[in-house]
Protein backbone atom coordinates (compact mmCIF):
# COMPACT_ATOMS: atom_id res chain seq x y z
CA MET A 1 0.00 0.00 0.00
CA THR A 2 1.34 3.43 -0.96
CA PRO A 3 1.52 5.82 2.01
CA SER A 4 -0.86 8.74 1.64
CA ALA A 5 0.57 12.22 1.33
CA ASP A 6 0.33 14.62 4.26
CA THR A 7 -2.61 16.89 3.43
CA ARG A 8 -1.67 19.73 5.76
CA GLY A 9 -0.83 23.08 4.18
CA SER A 10 2.61 24.70 4.02
CA ALA A 11 2.27 26.75 7.19
CA ALA A 12 1.09 23.76 9.26
CA LEU A 13 3.83 21.49 7.90
CA ILE A 14 6.53 24.09 8.61
CA ARG A 15 5.24 24.47 12.18
CA ALA A 16 5.25 20.68 12.59
CA GLU A 17 8.84 20.45 11.32
CA ASP A 18 9.96 23.20 13.66
CA SER A 19 8.46 21.41 16.64
CA VAL A 20 10.02 17.97 16.06
CA LEU A 21 13.12 18.42 13.87
CA ALA A 22 16.51 19.43 15.22
CA HIS A 23 17.32 22.88 13.86
CA ASN A 24 20.38 22.10 11.78
CA TYR A 25 19.04 23.89 8.70
CA HIS A 26 17.23 27.16 8.02
CA PRO A 27 15.09 26.32 4.97
CA LEU A 28 13.24 28.81 2.86
CA PRO A 29 9.49 28.77 3.67
CA VAL A 30 8.39 26.45 0.86
CA VAL A 31 7.17 22.86 1.25
CA VAL A 32 7.92 20.87 -1.90
CA ALA A 33 5.58 18.00 -2.72
CA ARG A 34 6.34 17.12 -6.36
CA ALA A 35 9.07 17.76 -8.91
CA GLU A 36 9.94 17.09 -12.52
CA GLY A 37 13.00 18.29 -14.41
CA VAL A 38 13.87 21.82 -13.32
CA TRP A 39 10.46 22.54 -11.76
CA VAL A 40 9.11 21.79 -8.29
CA GLU A 41 5.61 22.19 -6.90
CA ASP A 42 4.60 22.96 -3.34
CA VAL A 43 1.73 21.42 -1.37
CA GLU A 44 -0.62 24.17 -2.55
CA GLY A 45 0.23 23.53 -6.21
CA ARG A 46 2.48 26.57 -6.81
CA ARG A 47 5.37 25.93 -9.22
CA TYR A 48 8.96 27.11 -8.80
CA LEU A 49 12.04 27.01 -11.01
CA ASP A 50 14.79 25.21 -9.06
CA MET A 51 18.01 27.22 -9.43
CA LEU A 52 19.81 25.36 -6.63
CA ALA A 53 19.56 21.71 -7.75
CA GLY A 54 20.25 20.32 -4.30
CA TYR A 55 23.70 21.95 -4.17
CA SER A 56 24.54 20.00 -7.39
CA ALA A 57 22.97 16.72 -6.23
CA LEU A 58 20.33 17.26 -8.93
CA ASN A 59 22.63 18.01 -11.87
CA PHE A 60 20.30 15.97 -14.12
CA GLY A 61 17.13 17.50 -12.76
CA HIS A 62 14.40 16.02 -10.62
CA ARG A 63 13.41 12.46 -11.46
CA HIS A 64 15.41 12.15 -14.67
CA PRO A 65 13.63 9.33 -16.54
CA ASP A 66 16.79 7.28 -17.18
CA LEU A 67 17.79 7.44 -13.52
CA VAL A 68 14.30 6.68 -12.21
CA ALA A 69 14.05 3.72 -14.59
CA ALA A 70 17.41 2.37 -13.41
CA ALA A 71 16.28 2.65 -9.79
CA HIS A 72 12.94 0.94 -10.50
CA ARG A 73 14.64 -1.95 -12.30
CA GLN A 74 17.04 -2.47 -9.43
CA LEU A 75 14.35 -2.17 -6.74
CA ASP A 76 12.67 -5.20 -8.28
CA ARG A 77 15.86 -7.27 -8.06
CA LEU A 78 18.18 -6.44 -5.15
CA THR A 79 18.84 -3.38 -2.98
CA LEU A 80 21.40 -4.30 -0.32
CA THR A 81 23.87 -7.07 0.44
CA SER A 82 26.47 -5.11 2.43
CA ARG A 83 30.05 -5.62 1.30
CA ALA A 84 30.07 -8.97 3.11
CA PHE A 85 29.16 -10.35 -0.33
CA HIS A 86 29.77 -9.34 -3.92
CA ASN A 87 26.87 -7.97 -5.95
CA ASP A 88 26.33 -8.03 -9.69
CA ARG A 89 26.16 -4.23 -10.14
CA LEU A 90 29.27 -2.99 -8.37
CA ALA A 91 32.03 -4.07 -10.78
CA SER A 92 30.45 -2.33 -13.78
CA PHE A 93 29.81 0.84 -11.77
CA ALA A 94 33.41 0.99 -10.57
CA GLU A 95 34.88 0.23 -14.00
CA ARG A 96 32.83 2.89 -15.76
CA LEU A 97 33.33 5.54 -13.07
CA ALA A 98 37.09 4.95 -13.15
CA ALA A 99 37.07 5.28 -16.95
CA LEU A 100 34.98 8.46 -16.85
CA THR A 101 37.34 10.10 -14.37
CA ARG A 102 40.50 8.62 -15.94
CA THR A 103 41.52 6.95 -12.69
CA ASP A 104 42.50 3.42 -11.65
CA MET A 105 40.43 2.47 -8.63
CA VAL A 106 37.17 3.36 -6.86
CA LEU A 107 36.19 3.31 -3.18
CA PRO A 108 32.37 3.57 -2.99
CA MET A 109 30.79 5.31 -0.02
CA ASN A 110 27.48 7.12 0.60
CA THR A 111 27.73 10.81 1.49
CA GLY A 112 30.15 13.54 0.55
CA ALA A 113 31.40 13.85 4.10
CA GLU A 114 32.17 10.12 4.11
CA ALA A 115 34.18 10.55 0.93
CA VAL A 116 36.19 13.35 2.56
CA GLU A 117 36.76 11.33 5.73
CA SER A 118 37.84 8.40 3.57
CA GLY A 119 40.24 10.60 1.62
CA ILE A 120 41.79 11.83 4.86
CA LYS A 121 42.25 8.29 6.16
CA ILE A 122 43.78 7.08 2.89
CA ALA A 123 46.16 10.04 2.73
CA ARG A 124 47.37 9.46 6.28
CA LYS A 125 47.86 5.74 5.75
CA TRP A 126 49.74 6.40 2.51
CA ALA A 127 51.96 8.89 4.35
CA TYR A 128 52.94 6.30 6.95
CA GLU A 129 53.31 3.29 4.68
CA VAL A 130 54.68 4.85 1.50
CA LYS A 131 56.17 8.24 2.33
CA GLY A 132 57.57 7.14 5.68
CA VAL A 133 56.14 9.87 7.90
CA PRO A 134 56.61 8.93 11.59
CA ALA A 135 53.53 7.44 13.25
CA ASP A 136 50.80 9.95 14.17
CA ARG A 137 52.77 12.88 12.70
CA ALA A 138 51.07 13.21 9.31
CA THR A 139 49.66 16.62 8.39
CA ILE A 140 47.19 17.67 5.72
CA VAL A 141 47.17 21.19 4.27
CA VAL A 142 43.77 22.73 3.53
CA ALA A 143 42.46 26.09 2.36
CA ALA A 144 40.71 28.78 4.37
CA ASP A 145 36.98 29.23 3.67
CA ASN A 146 36.74 25.56 2.73
CA PHE A 147 33.62 23.47 2.99
CA HIS A 148 34.17 19.72 3.04
CA GLY A 149 31.33 18.64 5.35
CA ARG A 150 30.36 18.83 9.00
CA THR A 151 31.79 15.80 10.77
CA THR A 152 33.93 16.40 13.85
CA THR A 153 37.18 15.89 11.96
CA ILE A 154 36.12 18.05 9.02
CA VAL A 155 34.96 21.01 11.11
CA SER A 156 38.31 20.78 12.88
CA PHE A 157 39.88 22.45 9.83
CA SER A 158 36.97 24.71 8.92
CA THR A 159 37.39 28.47 9.24
CA ASP A 160 33.62 28.98 9.55
CA ALA A 161 32.90 29.96 13.14
CA THR A 162 29.32 28.70 12.90
CA ALA A 163 30.48 25.24 11.86
CA ARG A 164 33.10 25.04 14.63
CA ALA A 165 31.68 26.79 17.68
CA GLY A 166 30.75 24.37 20.46
CA PHE A 167 32.06 21.21 18.80
CA GLY A 168 35.61 20.93 20.16
CA PRO A 169 38.00 19.45 21.04
CA PHE A 170 39.14 19.30 17.45
CA THR A 171 41.08 16.71 15.50
CA PRO A 172 44.75 17.72 15.09
CA GLY A 173 46.94 17.32 12.03
CA PHE A 174 45.69 20.08 9.71
CA ARG A 175 47.28 23.31 8.49
CA VAL A 176 45.13 26.05 6.98
CA VAL A 177 46.47 28.43 4.32
CA PRO A 178 44.72 31.07 2.20
CA TYR A 179 42.96 29.74 -0.89
CA ASN A 180 44.49 30.57 -4.27
CA ASP A 181 47.91 31.34 -2.69
CA LEU A 182 50.64 29.02 -3.96
CA ALA A 183 53.36 30.75 -1.96
CA ALA A 184 51.51 30.17 1.33
CA LEU A 185 50.81 26.60 0.32
CA GLU A 186 54.45 25.89 -0.42
CA GLU A 187 55.49 27.35 2.93
CA ALA A 188 53.04 25.08 4.78
CA VAL A 189 54.13 21.84 3.09
CA ASP A 190 56.96 19.91 4.73
CA ALA A 191 58.24 16.37 5.26
CA THR A 192 55.19 15.48 7.38
CA THR A 193 52.66 16.52 4.74
CA ALA A 194 50.49 13.63 3.59
CA ALA A 195 48.29 15.65 1.25
CA VAL A 196 46.96 18.97 0.08
CA LEU A 197 43.15 18.83 0.21
CA ILE A 198 41.30 21.57 -1.67
CA GLU A 199 38.14 22.29 -3.61
CA PRO A 200 39.03 23.20 -7.21
CA ILE A 201 36.22 25.75 -6.85
CA GLN A 202 35.00 26.68 -3.39
CA GLY A 203 31.23 26.32 -3.53
CA GLU A 204 29.92 27.17 -0.09
CA ALA A 205 32.29 30.12 0.14
CA GLY A 206 30.49 31.74 -2.79
CA VAL A 207 31.77 29.89 -5.88
CA ASN A 208 35.33 31.11 -5.44
CA ILE A 209 37.29 30.35 -8.62
CA PRO A 210 41.09 30.34 -8.34
CA ASP A 211 43.41 32.08 -10.75
CA ASP A 212 44.38 30.29 -13.93
CA GLY A 213 47.36 28.09 -13.15
CA TYR A 214 46.58 27.61 -9.46
CA LEU A 215 45.45 24.00 -9.79
CA ALA A 216 48.40 23.16 -12.04
CA GLY A 217 50.63 24.85 -9.46
CA VAL A 218 49.15 22.71 -6.68
CA ARG A 219 49.79 19.60 -8.78
CA ASP A 220 53.40 20.61 -9.44
CA LEU A 221 54.04 21.54 -5.81
CA THR A 222 52.65 18.28 -4.44
CA ARG A 223 54.73 16.24 -6.87
CA ARG A 224 57.89 18.09 -5.88
CA ALA A 225 57.08 17.77 -2.18
CA GLY A 226 56.25 14.08 -2.43
CA CYS A 227 52.70 14.40 -1.08
CA LEU A 228 49.24 13.77 -2.48
CA PHE A 229 46.88 16.17 -4.22
CA VAL A 230 43.30 15.42 -3.10
CA ALA A 231 40.59 17.33 -4.98
CA ASP A 232 37.13 17.64 -3.42
CA GLU A 233 34.82 17.64 -6.46
CA ILE A 234 31.67 16.81 -4.53
CA GLN A 235 29.93 19.99 -5.68
CA SER A 236 32.07 20.96 -8.66
CA GLY A 237 32.31 17.57 -10.36
CA LEU A 238 30.21 15.53 -12.79
CA GLY A 239 29.42 18.16 -15.39
CA ARG A 240 28.60 21.20 -13.30
CA THR A 241 31.42 23.45 -14.61
CA GLY A 242 31.37 22.43 -18.27
CA HIS A 243 33.82 19.56 -17.85
CA THR A 244 33.45 16.19 -16.16
CA LEU A 245 35.65 17.51 -13.34
CA ALA A 246 36.58 21.08 -12.47
CA VAL A 247 40.28 20.12 -12.50
CA ASP A 248 39.84 19.32 -16.20
CA HIS A 249 39.85 23.06 -16.90
CA GLU A 250 43.61 22.92 -16.29
CA SER A 251 44.12 19.31 -17.45
CA VAL A 252 45.21 18.37 -13.93
CA ALA A 253 45.14 14.81 -12.58
CA PRO A 254 44.99 14.70 -8.75
CA ASP A 255 46.05 11.59 -6.87
CA LEU A 256 42.57 11.28 -5.34
CA VAL A 257 39.25 12.84 -6.35
CA LEU A 258 36.29 12.96 -3.99
CA LEU A 259 32.86 12.64 -5.60
CA GLY A 260 29.31 12.73 -4.28
CA LYS A 261 26.02 14.61 -4.68
CA ALA A 262 25.30 14.25 -8.44
CA LEU A 263 26.70 10.71 -8.41
CA GLY A 264 23.43 9.57 -6.81
CA GLY A 265 21.31 11.25 -9.46
CA GLY A 266 19.11 12.93 -6.85
CA ILE A 267 17.71 9.50 -5.93
CA VAL A 268 20.05 7.84 -3.42
CA PRO A 269 23.16 9.01 -1.56
CA VAL A 270 26.25 7.86 -3.49
CA SER A 271 29.82 9.04 -3.07
CA ALA A 272 33.22 7.73 -4.01
CA VAL A 273 36.94 8.24 -3.73
CA VAL A 274 38.60 7.64 -7.10
CA GLY A 275 42.29 7.76 -7.79
CA ARG A 276 45.61 6.12 -8.38
CA ARG A 277 45.93 2.41 -7.65
CA GLU A 278 49.14 2.77 -5.65
CA VAL A 279 47.39 5.19 -3.30
CA LEU A 280 44.07 3.39 -2.82
CA GLU A 281 45.78 0.04 -2.41
CA VAL A 282 47.07 1.08 1.02
CA LEU A 283 43.62 0.06 2.31
CA ARG A 284 43.28 -3.56 3.36
CA PRO A 285 40.15 -5.51 4.36
CA GLY A 286 38.78 -4.41 7.71
CA GLU A 287 40.60 -1.08 7.85
CA HIS A 288 37.76 0.96 6.34
CA GLY A 289 34.20 0.22 5.29
CA SER A 290 30.54 1.14 4.99
CA THR A 291 27.48 -1.10 5.24
CA PHE A 292 25.69 0.74 2.43
CA GLY A 293 28.74 1.77 0.41
CA GLY A 294 28.57 0.16 -3.03
CA ASN A 295 25.10 -1.29 -2.47
CA PRO A 296 23.35 -2.62 -5.61
CA LEU A 297 20.76 0.16 -5.78
CA ALA A 298 23.43 2.84 -5.47
CA ALA A 299 25.60 1.11 -8.05
CA ALA A 300 22.70 0.84 -10.50
CA VAL A 301 21.81 4.53 -10.18
CA GLY A 302 25.49 5.55 -10.20
CA THR A 303 26.06 3.58 -13.40
CA ALA A 304 23.11 5.35 -15.02
CA VAL A 305 24.62 8.70 -13.98
CA VAL A 306 27.95 7.73 -15.56
CA GLU A 307 26.11 6.71 -18.74
CA LEU A 308 24.57 10.19 -18.98
CA LEU A 309 28.00 11.78 -18.66
CA GLU A 310 29.85 9.43 -21.00
CA THR A 311 28.39 11.16 -24.06
CA GLY A 312 29.79 14.55 -23.02
CA GLY A 313 26.46 16.18 -23.79
CA PHE A 314 25.77 17.46 -20.30
CA GLN A 315 29.26 18.90 -19.99
CA LEU A 316 28.84 20.72 -23.31
CA ARG A 317 25.41 21.98 -22.29
CA ALA A 318 26.80 23.39 -19.02
CA ALA A 319 29.59 25.14 -20.91
CA GLU A 320 27.27 26.66 -23.52
CA LEU A 321 24.56 27.78 -21.10
CA GLY A 322 27.31 29.03 -18.80
CA GLY A 323 27.91 31.73 -21.41
CA VAL A 324 24.26 32.77 -21.14
CA LEU A 325 24.55 32.84 -17.36
CA ARG A 326 27.68 34.99 -17.40
CA GLU A 327 26.17 37.37 -19.96
CA GLY A 328 23.03 37.81 -17.90
CA LEU A 329 24.89 38.39 -14.64
CA GLY A 330 27.28 40.78 -16.35
CA GLY A 331 24.30 42.93 -17.31
CA LEU A 332 23.29 43.18 -13.65
CA VAL A 333 26.64 44.44 -12.36
CA GLY A 334 26.03 47.95 -11.07
CA ARG A 335 22.29 47.27 -11.04
CA GLY A 336 22.00 45.47 -7.75
CA VAL A 337 24.95 43.12 -8.29
CA THR A 338 28.39 44.20 -7.11
CA GLY A 339 30.23 41.22 -8.61
CA PHE A 340 29.94 37.57 -9.50
CA ARG A 341 32.00 34.46 -10.20
CA ALA A 342 30.78 31.84 -12.65
CA ARG A 343 32.00 28.68 -14.30
CA GLY A 344 29.67 26.53 -16.32
CA LEU A 345 26.20 26.50 -14.79
CA TRP A 346 27.44 27.62 -11.38
CA ALA A 347 27.69 31.15 -10.05
CA GLY A 348 28.17 33.07 -6.84
CA VAL A 349 26.42 36.44 -7.05
CA ASP A 350 27.29 39.29 -4.69
CA VAL A 351 24.25 41.47 -4.11
CA ASP A 352 24.53 45.09 -3.00
CA PRO A 353 24.07 44.84 0.80
CA GLU A 354 21.84 47.92 0.69
CA ILE A 355 19.34 45.90 -1.33
CA GLY A 356 19.32 42.94 1.02
CA THR A 357 21.10 39.96 2.49
CA GLY A 358 21.41 36.76 0.54
CA ARG A 359 18.62 35.28 2.65
CA GLU A 360 16.32 38.22 1.91
CA ILE A 361 17.01 37.99 -1.83
CA GLY A 362 16.24 34.27 -1.68
CA GLU A 363 12.91 34.99 -0.02
CA ARG A 364 12.02 37.62 -2.62
CA LEU A 365 12.89 35.25 -5.46
CA LEU A 366 10.80 32.55 -3.78
CA ARG A 367 7.77 34.83 -3.93
CA GLU A 368 8.46 35.25 -7.67
CA GLY A 369 8.69 31.50 -8.27
CA VAL A 370 12.48 30.98 -8.34
CA LEU A 371 14.40 28.95 -5.76
CA VAL A 372 17.96 29.89 -4.81
CA LYS A 373 19.93 29.78 -1.56
CA ASP A 374 22.31 32.22 0.06
CA THR A 375 25.87 31.38 1.06
CA HIS A 376 27.23 34.11 3.30
CA GLY A 377 26.27 37.74 3.79
CA SER A 378 24.72 39.13 0.62
CA THR A 379 25.90 36.37 -1.70
CA ILE A 380 23.56 33.91 -3.41
CA ARG A 381 24.51 30.89 -5.47
CA LEU A 382 22.97 29.81 -8.75
CA ALA A 383 23.32 26.14 -9.74
CA PRO A 384 20.38 25.03 -11.87
CA PRO A 385 20.01 21.48 -13.17
CA LEU A 386 22.06 20.95 -16.32
CA THR A 387 18.77 20.11 -18.07
CA ILE A 388 17.56 23.72 -17.88
CA THR A 389 16.67 25.32 -21.21
CA GLU A 390 18.05 28.63 -22.37
CA GLU A 391 14.55 30.11 -22.14
CA GLU A 392 14.17 28.94 -18.54
CA LEU A 393 17.62 30.25 -17.62
CA ARG A 394 16.91 33.65 -19.16
CA GLY A 395 13.60 33.71 -17.32
CA ALA A 396 15.35 33.12 -14.01
CA LEU A 397 17.83 35.91 -14.76
CA ALA A 398 14.97 38.25 -15.65
CA THR A 399 13.31 37.44 -12.35
CA LEU A 400 16.56 38.15 -10.49
CA GLU A 401 16.77 41.50 -12.31
CA LYS A 402 13.19 42.30 -11.27
CA VAL A 403 13.90 41.49 -7.62
CA LEU A 404 17.06 43.59 -7.57
CA THR A 405 15.84 46.63 -9.50
CA THR A 406 12.21 47.17 -8.42
């Protein structure tokens, strides 16, 4: 029997959530009940253009038919075995994901934070077993204003006071340097450094894009220093920026790449660490694991995601529509927008603080039928599904112009 939908209205459902849910998020006041493609519908039947796409988890839109079909087929066969047994979907998923990302091996997990934690563990173990760093002395260099998740270890190297306050004591072994600063990075790296862990584009910080040559410089520095380059592509990867990976813009091959969000197609949580065989092979049975990591349902959906990306069509679409996005935002500079950063279908837009905070702009856009989310201060991010049409994208930009100029 299919469970019946909750028939309460938006206001009642929001009050109910506030009374029983821990307050770890501050959602916009909309209660989504249905979705298709780039459009969502609330419980009262109002439609909204989704310009957030689940922070890139919905790169292929809501309920993409190929992904839903793959999930339905697998639901009728097998959903979970745990890794105590092999399953008939995992090998193909791993082979095709490794080929797509031009890597050797895959470690399947569930969430982005798990992928980051896994990357940290692998880098430390590699440092001890391969590089020869003394036990418990390994360090990892990260960038200020990073966002890699909210586990205890990850917030230990966050520079966001909200993410850190009240959660100590913190995990040691991390050094923080300014983002996009190769000189500071080189100064921080030494014989104890296991890895440099960075986002090729900092999403939560406002879609911060480094200077041309920065990623290639990180790759060169880590090779010279004999440490790993770990790229967190959980938000930036899988087509979002106009390439399969954001590091592809500089033809850089990290030692490990962390993937998540879009890898689950907006249907199930799927993440992975992909990278060089000689790095991932430091893991041995029993040293790391996940009950749901690599489960058959996740592998089936993940394989369907890889199939969508293998053609290159989504990457090309993001690159082409990215030009429309940049053009539209450029026309708003000085007219409510003080600056923006964009790559592919991803942008951080700085709104004039006199017009409103990012939260206030999000609420105004909500009333006009467009969903976005703020990052910090007066910055909003735009990250529509890669399935958006040019007409829909121009419509969203026109709505943003209306909100900012009237």
